[in-house]
PDB file of N, CA and C in Angstrom:
ATOM      1  N   MET A   1     -17.399  -1.067  -4.832  1.00  0.00           N
ATOM      2  CA  MET A   1     -16.812   0.152  -4.349  1.00  0.00           C
ATOM      3  C   MET A   1     -15.465   0.356  -5.047  1.00  0.00           C
ATOM      4  N   LEU A   2     -15.153   1.572  -5.326  1.00  0.00           N
ATOM      5  CA  LEU A   2     -13.932   1.916  -6.049  1.00  0.00           C
ATOM      6  C   LEU A   2     -12.682   1.465  -5.301  1.00  0.00           C
ATOM      7  N   LEU A   3     -12.659   1.666  -3.996  1.00  0.00           N
ATOM      8  CA  LEU A   3     -11.476   1.284  -3.217  1.00  0.00           C
ATOM      9  C   LEU A   3     -11.232  -0.222  -3.265  1.00  0.00           C
ATOM     10  N   ASP A   4     -12.308  -1.005  -3.247  1.00  0.00           N
ATOM     11  CA  ASP A   4     -12.146  -2.466  -3.339  1.00  0.00           C
ATOM     12  C   ASP A   4     -11.560  -2.859  -4.678  1.00  0.00           C
ATOM     13  N   THR A   5     -12.017  -2.223  -5.738  1.00  0.00           N
ATOM     14  CA  THR A   5     -11.492  -2.508  -7.078  1.00  0.00           C
ATOM     15  C   THR A   5     -10.022  -2.132  -7.167  1.00  0.00           C
ATOM     16  N   LEU A   6      -9.675  -0.969  -6.653  1.00  0.00           N
ATOM     17  CA  LEU A   6      -8.278  -0.545  -6.656  1.00  0.00           C
ATOM     18  C   LEU A   6      -7.419  -1.463  -5.798  1.00  0.00           C
ATOM     19  N   ALA A   7      -7.947  -1.909  -4.671  1.00  0.00           N
ATOM     20  CA  ALA A   7      -7.193  -2.802  -3.786  1.00  0.00           C
ATOM     21  C   ALA A   7      -6.880  -4.115  -4.489  1.00  0.00           C
ATOM     22  N   ARG A   8      -7.849  -4.645  -5.215  1.00  0.00           N
ATOM     23  CA  ARG A   8      -7.590  -5.888  -5.969  1.00  0.00           C
ATOM     24  C   ARG A   8      -6.506  -5.661  -7.008  1.00  0.00           C
ATOM     25  N   GLY A   9      -6.529  -4.501  -7.655  1.00  0.00           N
ATOM     26  CA  GLY A   9      -5.507  -4.182  -8.649  1.00  0.00           C
ATOM     27  C   GLY A   9      -4.129  -4.092  -8.016  1.00  0.00           C
ATOM     28  N   VAL A  10      -4.053  -3.518  -6.817  1.00  0.00           N
ATOM     29  CA  VAL A  10      -2.779  -3.413  -6.104  1.00  0.00           C
ATOM     30  C   VAL A  10      -2.266  -4.802  -5.753  1.00  0.00           C
ATOM     31  N   ASP A  11      -3.157  -5.660  -5.250  1.00  0.00           N
ATOM     32  CA  ASP A  11      -2.763  -7.017  -4.889  1.00  0.00           C
ATOM     33  C   ASP A  11      -2.169  -7.751  -6.089  1.00  0.00           C
ATOM     34  N   GLU A  12      -2.857  -7.680  -7.206  1.00  0.00           N
ATOM     35  CA  GLU A  12      -2.380  -8.371  -8.413  1.00  0.00           C
ATOM     36  C   GLU A  12      -1.052  -7.799  -8.892  1.00  0.00           C
ATOM     37  N   GLU A  13      -0.946  -6.491  -8.883  1.00  0.00           N
ATOM     38  CA  GLU A  13       0.286  -5.848  -9.358  1.00  0.00           C
ATOM     39  C   GLU A  13       1.469  -6.202  -8.460  1.00  0.00           C
ATOM     40  N   LEU A  14       1.265  -6.166  -7.151  1.00  0.00           N
ATOM     41  CA  LEU A  14       2.336  -6.526  -6.234  1.00  0.00           C
ATOM     42  C   LEU A  14       2.759  -7.979  -6.405  1.00  0.00           C
ATOM     43  N   TRP A  15       1.792  -8.872  -6.605  1.00  0.00           N
ATOM     44  CA  TRP A  15       2.132 -10.281  -6.806  1.00  0.00           C
ATOM     45  C   TRP A  15       2.998 -10.423  -8.057  1.00  0.00           C
ATOM     46  N   HIS A  16       2.629  -9.731  -9.123  1.00  0.00           N
ATOM     47  CA  HIS A  16       3.414  -9.808 -10.360  1.00  0.00           C
ATOM     48  C   HIS A  16       4.823  -9.233 -10.175  1.00  0.00           C
ATOM     49  N   VAL A  17       4.935  -8.149  -9.430  1.00  0.00           N
ATOM     50  CA  VAL A  17       6.253  -7.544  -9.193  1.00  0.00           C
ATOM     51  C   VAL A  17       7.152  -8.513  -8.432  1.00  0.00           C
ATOM     52  N   VAL A  18       6.621  -9.135  -7.391  1.00  0.00           N
ATOM     53  CA  VAL A  18       7.420 -10.091  -6.616  1.00  0.00           C
ATOM     54  C   VAL A  18       7.791 -11.298  -7.477  1.00  0.00           C
ATOM     55  N   ALA A  19       6.842 -11.812  -8.234  1.00  0.00           N
ATOM     56  CA  ALA A  19       7.116 -12.969  -9.093  1.00  0.00           C
ATOM     57  C   ALA A  19       8.154 -12.628 -10.165  1.00  0.00           C
ATOM     58  N   ASP A  20       8.034 -11.445 -10.755  1.00  0.00           N
ATOM     59  CA  ASP A  20       9.013 -11.027 -11.770  1.00  0.00           C
ATOM     60  C   ASP A  20      10.405 -10.877 -11.165  1.00  0.00           C
ATOM     61  N   ALA A  21      10.477 -10.306  -9.962  1.00  0.00           N
ATOM     62  CA  ALA A  21      11.775 -10.155  -9.298  1.00  0.00           C
ATOM     63  C   ALA A  21      12.384 -11.520  -8.992  1.00  0.00           C
ATOM     64  N   TYR A  22      11.552 -12.450  -8.550  1.00  0.00           N
ATOM     65  CA  TYR A  22      12.033 -13.809  -8.269  1.00  0.00           C
ATOM     66  C   TYR A  22      12.584 -14.446  -9.544  1.00  0.00           C
ATOM     67  N   GLU A  23      11.820 -14.366 -10.609  1.00  0.00           N
ATOM     68  CA  GLU A  23      12.246 -14.984 -11.873  1.00  0.00           C
ATOM     69  C   GLU A  23      13.526 -14.336 -12.406  1.00  0.00           C
ATOM     70  N   SER A  24      13.608 -13.030 -12.292  1.00  0.00           N
ATOM     71  CA  SER A  24      14.808 -12.328 -12.747  1.00  0.00           C
ATOM     72  C   SER A  24      16.026 -12.788 -11.960  1.00  0.00           C
ATOM     73  N   GLY A  25      15.883 -12.849 -10.646  1.00  0.00           N
ATOM     74  CA  GLY A  25      16.980 -13.313  -9.806  1.00  0.00           C
ATOM     75  C   GLY A  25      17.328 -14.765 -10.075  1.00  0.00           C
ATOM     76  N   ARG A  26      16.313 -15.572 -10.293  1.00  0.00           N
ATOM     77  CA  ARG A  26      16.530 -16.993 -10.574  1.00  0.00           C
ATOM     78  C   ARG A  26      17.317 -17.176 -11.869  1.00  0.00           C
ATOM     79  N   HIS A  27      16.928 -16.444 -12.906  1.00  0.00           N
ATOM     80  CA  HIS A  27      17.630 -16.556 -14.194  1.00  0.00           C
ATOM     81  C   HIS A  27      19.071 -16.064 -14.085  1.00  0.00           C
ATOM     82  N   SER A  28      19.277 -14.978 -13.360  1.00  0.00           N
ATOM     83  CA  SER A  28      20.638 -14.467 -13.178  1.00  0.00           C
ATOM     84  C   SER A  28      21.499 -15.480 -12.432  1.00  0.00           C
ATOM     85  N   THR A  29      20.919 -16.066 -11.415  1.00  0.00           N
ATOM     86  CA  THR A  29      21.654 -17.059 -10.629  1.00  0.00           C
ATOM     87  C   THR A  29      22.005 -18.276 -11.472  1.00  0.00           C
ATOM     88  N   LEU A  30      21.046 -18.755 -12.228  1.00  0.00           N
ATOM     89  CA  LEU A  30      21.309 -19.930 -13.062  1.00  0.00           C
ATOM     90  C   LEU A  30      22.373 -19.638 -14.117  1.00  0.00           C
ATOM     91  N   ALA A  31      22.375 -18.415 -14.625  1.00  0.00           N
ATOM     92  CA  ALA A  31      23.414 -18.052 -15.595  1.00  0.00           C
ATOM     93  C   ALA A  31      24.790 -18.075 -14.936  1.00  0.00           C
ATOM     94  N   GLU A  32      24.867 -17.555 -13.719  1.00  0.00           N
ATOM     95  CA  GLU A  32      26.135 -17.561 -13.006  1.00  0.00           C
ATOM     96  C   GLU A  32      26.547 -18.973 -12.608  1.00  0.00           C
ATOM     97  N   LEU A  33      25.567 -19.820 -12.354  1.00  0.00           N
ATOM     98  CA  LEU A  33      25.873 -21.194 -11.953  1.00  0.00           C
ATOM     99  C   LEU A  33      26.325 -22.064 -13.118  1.00  0.00           C
ATOM    100  N   GLY A  34      26.288 -21.516 -14.289  1.00  0.00           N
ATOM    101  CA  GLY A  34      26.740 -22.269 -15.455  1.00  0.00           C
ATOM    102  C   GLY A  34      28.178 -22.738 -15.312  1.00  0.00           C
ATOM    103  N   VAL A  35      28.935 -22.086 -14.444  1.00  0.00           N
ATOM    104  CA  VAL A  35      30.329 -22.471 -14.246  1.00  0.00           C
ATOM    105  C   VAL A  35      30.454 -23.636 -13.261  1.00  0.00           C
ATOM    106  N   LEU A  36      29.348 -24.035 -12.612  1.00  0.00           N
ATOM    107  CA  LEU A  36      29.382 -25.141 -11.658  1.00  0.00           C
ATOM    108  C   LEU A  36      29.214 -26.476 -12.370  1.00  0.00           C
ATOM    109  N   GLY A  37      29.589 -27.501 -11.674  1.00  0.00           N
ATOM    110  CA  GLY A  37      29.407 -28.843 -12.204  1.00  0.00           C
ATOM    111  C   GLY A  37      27.954 -29.275 -12.091  1.00  0.00           C
ATOM    112  N   ASP A  38      27.599 -30.373 -12.739  1.00  0.00           N
ATOM    113  CA  ASP A  38      26.224 -30.872 -12.758  1.00  0.00           C
ATOM    114  C   ASP A  38      25.699 -31.179 -11.366  1.00  0.00           C
ATOM    115  N   ASP A  39      26.514 -31.781 -10.509  1.00  0.00           N
ATOM    116  CA  ASP A  39      26.066 -32.130  -9.154  1.00  0.00           C
ATOM    117  C   ASP A  39      25.743 -30.872  -8.347  1.00  0.00           C
ATOM    118  N   ASP A  40      26.579 -29.862  -8.458  1.00  0.00           N
ATOM    119  CA  ASP A  40      26.341 -28.614  -7.728  1.00  0.00           C
ATOM    120  C   ASP A  40      25.085 -27.908  -8.229  1.00  0.00           C
ATOM    121  N   ARG A  41      24.882 -27.883  -9.535  1.00  0.00           N
ATOM    122  CA  ARG A  41      23.671 -27.248 -10.092  1.00  0.00           C
ATOM    123  C   ARG A  41      22.423 -27.979  -9.634  1.00  0.00           C
ATOM    124  N   ARG A  42      22.471 -29.291  -9.588  1.00  0.00           N
ATOM    125  CA  ARG A  42      21.323 -30.097  -9.154  1.00  0.00           C
ATOM    126  C   ARG A  42      21.011 -29.799  -7.676  1.00  0.00           C
ATOM    127  N   THR A  43      22.044 -29.699  -6.856  1.00  0.00           N
ATOM    128  CA  THR A  43      21.853 -29.383  -5.438  1.00  0.00           C
ATOM    129  C   THR A  43      21.205 -28.012  -5.277  1.00  0.00           C
ATOM    130  N   VAL A  44      21.688 -27.044  -6.021  1.00  0.00           N
ATOM    131  CA  VAL A  44      21.112 -25.695  -5.947  1.00  0.00           C
ATOM    132  C   VAL A  44      19.661 -25.719  -6.410  1.00  0.00           C
ATOM    133  N   ALA A  45      19.373 -26.409  -7.491  1.00  0.00           N
ATOM    134  CA  ALA A  45      18.003 -26.476  -8.015  1.00  0.00           C
ATOM    135  C   ALA A  45      17.054 -27.116  -7.009  1.00  0.00           C
ATOM    136  N   GLU A  46      17.535 -28.134  -6.279  1.00  0.00           N
ATOM    137  CA  GLU A  46      16.697 -28.812  -5.298  1.00  0.00           C
ATOM    138  C   GLU A  46      16.405 -27.925  -4.088  1.00  0.00           C
ATOM    139  N   ARG A  47      17.338 -27.049  -3.758  1.00  0.00           N
ATOM    140  CA  ARG A  47      17.195 -26.218  -2.561  1.00  0.00           C
ATOM    141  C   ARG A  47      16.639 -24.829  -2.844  1.00  0.00           C
ATOM    142  N   THR A  48      16.459 -24.489  -4.090  1.00  0.00           N
ATOM    143  CA  THR A  48      15.934 -23.172  -4.447  1.00  0.00           C
ATOM    144  C   THR A  48      14.431 -23.144  -4.197  1.00  0.00           C
ATOM    145  N   PRO A  49      13.952 -22.116  -3.480  1.00  0.00           N
ATOM    146  CA  PRO A  49      12.506 -22.022  -3.230  1.00  0.00           C
ATOM    147  C   PRO A  49      11.737 -21.916  -4.539  1.00  0.00           C
ATOM    148  N   GLN A  50      10.577 -22.482  -4.551  1.00  0.00           N
ATOM    149  CA  GLN A  50       9.762 -22.470  -5.758  1.00  0.00           C
ATOM    150  C   GLN A  50       8.510 -21.631  -5.556  1.00  0.00           C
ATOM    151  N   ALA A  51       7.453 -22.002  -6.218  1.00  0.00           N
ATOM    152  CA  ALA A  51       6.227 -21.197  -6.268  1.00  0.00           C
ATOM    153  C   ALA A  51       5.648 -20.905  -4.893  1.00  0.00           C
ATOM    154  N   GLN A  52       5.671 -21.865  -3.973  1.00  0.00           N
ATOM    155  CA  GLN A  52       5.086 -21.619  -2.651  1.00  0.00           C
ATOM    156  C   GLN A  52       5.826 -20.502  -1.915  1.00  0.00           C
ATOM    157  N   ALA A  53       7.132 -20.491  -2.042  1.00  0.00           N
ATOM    158  CA  ALA A  53       7.905 -19.438  -1.390  1.00  0.00           C
ATOM    159  C   ALA A  53       7.599 -18.080  -2.009  1.00  0.00           C
ATOM    160  N   VAL A  54       7.452 -18.047  -3.316  1.00  0.00           N
ATOM    161  CA  VAL A  54       7.123 -16.789  -3.999  1.00  0.00           C
ATOM    162  C   VAL A  54       5.740 -16.321  -3.562  1.00  0.00           C
ATOM    163  N   ASP A  55       4.793 -17.241  -3.469  1.00  0.00           N
ATOM    164  CA  ASP A  55       3.447 -16.878  -3.026  1.00  0.00           C
ATOM    165  C   ASP A  55       3.455 -16.320  -1.601  1.00  0.00           C
ATOM    166  N   ARG A  56       4.226 -16.937  -0.720  1.00  0.00           N
ATOM    167  CA  ARG A  56       4.306 -16.446   0.667  1.00  0.00           C
ATOM    168  C   ARG A  56       4.936 -15.058   0.716  1.00  0.00           C
ATOM    169  N   LEU A  57       6.009 -14.880  -0.036  1.00  0.00           N
ATOM    170  CA  LEU A  57       6.670 -13.577  -0.070  1.00  0.00           C
ATOM    171  C   LEU A  57       5.738 -12.508  -0.648  1.00  0.00           C
ATOM    172  N   ALA A  58       5.020 -12.860  -1.703  1.00  0.00           N
ATOM    173  CA  ALA A  58       4.072 -11.913  -2.302  1.00  0.00           C
ATOM    174  C   ALA A  58       2.956 -11.575  -1.313  1.00  0.00           C
ATOM    175  N   ALA A  59       2.451 -12.582  -0.601  1.00  0.00           N
ATOM    176  CA  ALA A  59       1.378 -12.337   0.376  1.00  0.00           C
ATOM    177  C   ALA A  59       1.858 -11.418   1.493  1.00  0.00           C
ATOM    178  N   GLU A  60       3.078 -11.617   1.970  1.00  0.00           N
ATOM    179  CA  GLU A  60       3.624 -10.744   3.016  1.00  0.00           C
ATOM    180  C   GLU A  60       3.816  -9.323   2.497  1.00  0.00           C
ATOM    181  N   THR A  61       4.267  -9.198   1.278  1.00  0.00           N
ATOM    182  CA  THR A  61       4.457  -7.874   0.681  1.00  0.00           C
ATOM    183  C   THR A  61       3.120  -7.161   0.531  1.00  0.00           C
ATOM    184  N   ILE A  62       2.124  -7.877   0.044  1.00  0.00           N
ATOM    185  CA  ILE A  62       0.784  -7.303  -0.128  1.00  0.00           C
ATOM    186  C   ILE A  62       0.233  -6.846   1.218  1.00  0.00           C
ATOM    187  N   GLU A  63       0.377  -7.669   2.246  1.00  0.00           N
ATOM    188  CA  GLU A  63      -0.133  -7.312   3.574  1.00  0.00           C
ATOM    189  C   GLU A  63       0.567  -6.064   4.107  1.00  0.00           C
ATOM    190  N   THR A  64       1.875  -5.990   3.935  1.00  0.00           N
ATOM    191  CA  THR A  64       2.628  -4.836   4.422  1.00  0.00           C
ATOM    192  C   THR A  64       2.200  -3.552   3.718  1.00  0.00           C
ATOM    193  N   VAL A  65       2.067  -3.626   2.412  1.00  0.00           N
ATOM    194  CA  VAL A  65       1.708  -2.433   1.642  1.00  0.00           C
ATOM    195  C   VAL A  65       0.263  -2.020   1.898  1.00  0.00           C
ATOM    196  N   THR A  66      -0.656  -2.963   1.879  1.00  0.00           N
ATOM    197  CA  THR A  66      -2.072  -2.605   2.024  1.00  0.00           C
ATOM    198  C   THR A  66      -2.426  -2.223   3.456  1.00  0.00           C
ATOM    199  N   ALA A  67      -1.624  -2.613   4.432  1.00  0.00           N
ATOM    200  CA  ALA A  67      -1.883  -2.203   5.822  1.00  0.00           C
ATOM    201  C   ALA A  67      -1.813  -0.685   5.947  1.00  0.00           C
ATOM    202  N   THR A  68      -0.998  -0.060   5.123  1.00  0.00           N
ATOM    203  CA  THR A  68      -0.901   1.400   5.177  1.00  0.00           C
ATOM    204  C   THR A  68      -2.174   2.068   4.674  1.00  0.00           C
ATOM    205  N   HIS A  69      -2.922   1.385   3.818  1.00  0.00           N
ATOM    206  CA  HIS A  69      -4.143   1.979   3.264  1.00  0.00           C
ATOM    207  C   HIS A  69      -5.163   2.266   4.356  1.00  0.00           C
ATOM    208  N   ARG A  70      -5.317   1.336   5.293  1.00  0.00           N
ATOM    209  CA  ARG A  70      -6.286   1.543   6.370  1.00  0.00           C
ATOM    210  C   ARG A  70      -5.921   2.775   7.198  1.00  0.00           C
ATOM    211  N   GLY A  71      -4.645   2.955   7.450  1.00  0.00           N
ATOM    212  CA  GLY A  71      -4.201   4.118   8.211  1.00  0.00           C
ATOM    213  C   GLY A  71      -4.445   5.416   7.475  1.00  0.00           C
ATOM    214  N   ILE A  72      -4.252   5.391   6.172  1.00  0.00           N
ATOM    215  CA  ILE A  72      -4.477   6.588   5.366  1.00  0.00           C
ATOM    216  C   ILE A  72      -5.949   6.983   5.429  1.00  0.00           C
ATOM    217  N   LEU A  73      -6.838   6.021   5.278  1.00  0.00           N
ATOM    218  CA  LEU A  73      -8.271   6.326   5.324  1.00  0.00           C
ATOM    219  C   LEU A  73      -8.675   6.864   6.698  1.00  0.00           C
ATOM    220  N   ARG A  74      -8.138   6.272   7.754  1.00  0.00           N
ATOM    221  CA  ARG A  74      -8.455   6.766   9.104  1.00  0.00           C
ATOM    222  C   ARG A  74      -7.932   8.183   9.306  1.00  0.00           C
ATOM    223  N   ALA A  75      -6.756   8.469   8.779  1.00  0.00           N
ATOM    224  CA  ALA A  75      -6.180   9.810   8.933  1.00  0.00           C
ATOM    225  C   ALA A  75      -7.025  10.851   8.209  1.00  0.00           C
ATOM    226  N   VAL A  76      -7.509  10.514   7.031  1.00  0.00           N
ATOM    227  CA  VAL A  76      -8.344  11.450   6.274  1.00  0.00           C
ATOM    228  C   VAL A  76      -9.641  11.709   7.023  1.00  0.00           C
ATOM    229  N   GLU A  77     -10.276  10.640   7.486  1.00  0.00           N
ATOM    230  CA  GLU A  77     -11.533  10.806   8.208  1.00  0.00           C
ATOM    231  C   GLU A  77     -11.318  11.568   9.512  1.00  0.00           C
ATOM    232  N   GLY A  78     -10.245  11.265  10.209  1.00  0.00           N
ATOM    233  CA  GLY A  78      -9.935  11.962  11.454  1.00  0.00           C
ATOM    234  C   GLY A  78      -9.674  13.442  11.229  1.00  0.00           C
ATOM    235  N   GLY A  79      -8.963  13.763  10.151  1.00  0.00           N
ATOM    236  CA  GLY A  79      -8.710  15.162   9.819  1.00  0.00           C
ATOM    237  C   GLY A  79      -9.986  15.911   9.494  1.00  0.00           C
ATOM    238  N   TYR A  80     -10.879  15.254   8.767  1.00  0.00           N
ATOM    239  CA  TYR A  80     -12.175  15.850   8.431  1.00  0.00           C
ATOM    240  C   TYR A  80     -12.962  16.154   9.707  1.00  0.00           C
ATOM    241  N   ARG A  81     -13.031  15.168  10.577  1.00  0.00           N
ATOM    242  CA  ARG A  81     -13.794  15.348  11.822  1.00  0.00           C
ATOM    243  C   ARG A  81     -13.197  16.457  12.686  1.00  0.00           C
ATOM    244  N   GLN A  82     -11.883  16.518  12.731  1.00  0.00           N
ATOM    245  CA  GLN A  82     -11.227  17.534  13.554  1.00  0.00           C
ATOM    246  C   GLN A  82     -11.544  18.940  13.060  1.00  0.00           C
ATOM    247  N   VAL A  83     -11.433  19.166  11.756  1.00  0.00           N
ATOM    248  CA  VAL A  83     -11.704  20.494  11.197  1.00  0.00           C
ATOM    249  C   VAL A  83     -13.157  20.875  11.415  1.00  0.00           C
ATOM    250  N   VAL A  84     -14.069  19.956  11.147  1.00  0.00           N
ATOM    251  CA  VAL A  84     -15.499  20.261  11.317  1.00  0.00           C
ATOM    252  C   VAL A  84     -15.803  20.552  12.785  1.00  0.00           C
ATOM    253  N   ALA A  85     -15.239  19.776  13.692  1.00  0.00           N
ATOM    254  CA  ALA A  85     -15.491  20.002  15.123  1.00  0.00           C
ATOM    255  C   ALA A  85     -14.966  21.357  15.574  1.00  0.00           C
ATOM    256  N   GLU A  86     -13.807  21.749  15.080  1.00  0.00           N
ATOM    257  CA  GLU A  86     -13.232  23.031  15.470  1.00  0.00           C
ATOM    258  C   GLU A  86     -14.068  24.202  14.967  1.00  0.00           C
ATOM    259  N   VAL A  87     -14.597  24.094  13.777  1.00  0.00           N
ATOM    260  CA  VAL A  87     -15.275  25.224  13.141  1.00  0.00           C
ATOM    261  C   VAL A  87     -16.748  25.304  13.521  1.00  0.00           C
ATOM    262  N   THR A  88     -17.392  24.192  13.818  1.00  0.00           N
ATOM    263  CA  THR A  88     -18.838  24.227  14.083  1.00  0.00           C
ATOM    264  C   THR A  88     -19.190  24.858  15.422  1.00  0.00           C
ATOM    265  N   ALA A  89     -18.243  25.009  16.298  1.00  0.00           N
ATOM    266  CA  ALA A  89     -18.554  25.618  17.594  1.00  0.00           C
ATOM    267  C   ALA A  89     -18.914  27.098  17.460  1.00  0.00           C
ATOM    268  N   ALA A  90     -18.280  27.809  16.536  1.00  0.00           N
ATOM    269  CA  ALA A  90     -18.506  29.260  16.414  1.00  0.00           C
ATOM    270  C   ALA A  90     -19.960  29.617  16.109  1.00  0.00           C
ATOM    271  N   PRO A  91     -20.630  28.986  15.121  1.00  0.00           N
ATOM    272  CA  PRO A  91     -22.037  29.337  14.903  1.00  0.00           C
ATOM    273  C   PRO A  91     -22.929  28.959  16.080  1.00  0.00           C
ATOM    274  N   LEU A  92     -22.582  27.882  16.778  1.00  0.00           N
ATOM    275  CA  LEU A  92     -23.392  27.484  17.932  1.00  0.00           C
ATOM    276  C   LEU A  92     -23.293  28.501  19.065  1.00  0.00           C
ATOM    277  N   LEU A  93     -22.129  29.117  19.167  1.00  0.00           N
ATOM    278  CA  LEU A  93     -21.936  30.136  20.201  1.00  0.00           C
ATOM    279  C   LEU A  93     -22.399  31.519  19.761  1.00  0.00           C
ATOM    280  N   GLY A  94     -22.712  31.650  18.472  1.00  0.00           N
ATOM    281  CA  GLY A  94     -23.182  32.924  17.949  1.00  0.00           C
ATOM    282  C   GLY A  94     -22.071  33.880  17.572  1.00  0.00           C
ATOM    283  N   THR A  95     -20.830  33.427  17.517  1.00  0.00           N
ATOM    284  CA  THR A  95     -19.719  34.323  17.177  1.00  0.00           C
ATOM    285  C   THR A  95     -19.483  34.399  15.671  1.00  0.00           C
ATOM    286  N   ASP A  96     -19.956  33.430  14.921  1.00  0.00           N
ATOM    287  CA  ASP A  96     -19.853  33.417  13.451  1.00  0.00           C
ATOM    288  C   ASP A  96     -21.167  32.934  12.867  1.00  0.00           C
ATOM    289  N   THR A  97     -21.370  33.260  11.584  1.00  0.00           N
ATOM    290  CA  THR A  97     -22.539  32.733  10.887  1.00  0.00           C
ATOM    291  C   THR A  97     -22.195  31.368  10.305  1.00  0.00           C
ATOM    292  N   ARG A  98     -23.218  30.662   9.862  1.00  0.00           N
ATOM    293  CA  ARG A  98     -22.983  29.364   9.213  1.00  0.00           C
ATOM    294  C   ARG A  98     -22.166  29.547   7.942  1.00  0.00           C
ATOM    295  N   ARG A  99     -22.411  30.623   7.244  1.00  0.00           N
ATOM    296  CA  ARG A  99     -21.651  30.897   6.009  1.00  0.00           C
ATOM    297  C   ARG A  99     -20.165  31.099   6.333  1.00  0.00           C
ATOM    298  N   GLN A 100     -19.863  31.862   7.382  1.00  0.00           N
ATOM    299  CA  GLN A 100     -18.470  32.076   7.779  1.00  0.00           C
ATOM    300  C   GLN A 100     -17.819  30.756   8.217  1.00  0.00           C
ATOM    301  N   ALA A 101     -18.568  29.945   8.940  1.00  0.00           N
ATOM    302  CA  ALA A 101     -18.043  28.649   9.384  1.00  0.00           C
ATOM    303  C   ALA A 101     -17.772  27.744   8.187  1.00  0.00           C
ATOM    304  N   THR A 102     -18.674  27.775   7.213  1.00  0.00           N
ATOM    305  CA  THR A 102     -18.473  26.967   6.004  1.00  0.00           C
ATOM    306  C   THR A 102     -17.214  27.418   5.272  1.00  0.00           C
ATOM    307  N   GLN A 103     -17.023  28.715   5.184  1.00  0.00           N
ATOM    308  CA  GLN A 103     -15.817  29.232   4.528  1.00  0.00           C
ATOM    309  C   GLN A 103     -14.556  28.814   5.281  1.00  0.00           C
ATOM    310  N   GLN A 104     -14.616  28.857   6.603  1.00  0.00           N
ATOM    311  CA  GLN A 104     -13.461  28.429   7.397  1.00  0.00           C
ATOM    312  C   GLN A 104     -13.148  26.946   7.184  1.00  0.00           C
ATOM    313  N   VAL A 105     -14.200  26.137   7.133  1.00  0.00           N
ATOM    314  CA  VAL A 105     -14.004  24.700   6.887  1.00  0.00           C
ATOM    315  C   VAL A 105     -13.352  24.491   5.529  1.00  0.00           C
ATOM    316  N   MET A 106     -13.857  25.139   4.520  1.00  0.00           N
ATOM    317  CA  MET A 106     -13.319  24.974   3.174  1.00  0.00           C
ATOM    318  C   MET A 106     -11.870  25.458   3.117  1.00  0.00           C
ATOM    319  N   SER A 107     -11.572  26.560   3.783  1.00  0.00           N
ATOM    320  CA  SER A 107     -10.196  27.080   3.798  1.00  0.00           C
ATOM    321  C   SER A 107      -9.255  26.113   4.513  1.00  0.00           C
ATOM    322  N   ARG A 108      -9.703  25.559   5.614  1.00  0.00           N
ATOM    323  CA  ARG A 108      -8.840  24.612   6.342  1.00  0.00           C
ATOM    324  C   ARG A 108      -8.621  23.335   5.555  1.00  0.00           C
ATOM    325  N   PHE A 109      -9.659  22.851   4.871  1.00  0.00           N
ATOM    326  CA  PHE A 109      -9.488  21.666   4.017  1.00  0.00           C
ATOM    327  C   PHE A 109      -8.471  21.964   2.915  1.00  0.00           C
ATOM    328  N   ALA A 110      -8.591  23.138   2.317  1.00  0.00           N
ATOM    329  CA  ALA A 110      -7.669  23.533   1.255  1.00  0.00           C
ATOM    330  C   ALA A 110      -6.228  23.626   1.789  1.00  0.00           C
ATOM    331  N   ASP A 111      -6.083  24.180   2.993  1.00  0.00           N
ATOM    332  CA  ASP A 111      -4.746  24.299   3.591  1.00  0.00           C
ATOM    333  C   ASP A 111      -4.118  22.933   3.844  1.00  0.00           C
ATOM    334  N   ARG A 112      -4.947  21.972   4.208  1.00  0.00           N
ATOM    335  CA  ARG A 112      -4.438  20.610   4.485  1.00  0.00           C
ATOM    336  C   ARG A 112      -4.204  19.798   3.223  1.00  0.00           C
ATOM    337  N   GLY A 113      -4.730  20.272   2.115  1.00  0.00           N
ATOM    338  CA  GLY A 113      -4.534  19.569   0.854  1.00  0.00           C
ATOM    339  C   GLY A 113      -5.502  18.459   0.703  1.00  0.00           C
TER     340      GLY A 113
END
């Protein structure tokens, strides 16, 4: 399915963005730490989070971003159902033809974007 393929692409891209940001920050920090003594640099290196921390941060970021996708899909489906439900009553009651109802549905979809 197309959405599954796109979702995998989003996951990979987000992981790379988080990893790149971590590496960029790490390099900047190490450059600034050049003014510290050897013992201080060693202490910082020992306490600096490594790959596991980056993986956890990336996983949390991916979960936060992709959680919005489910809501978007539900909103689209809900909007579709709402418009169809509103418009289909008229032909059933005999106040509009099916063609008029179809036009109303298409116009409402267009209005909603």
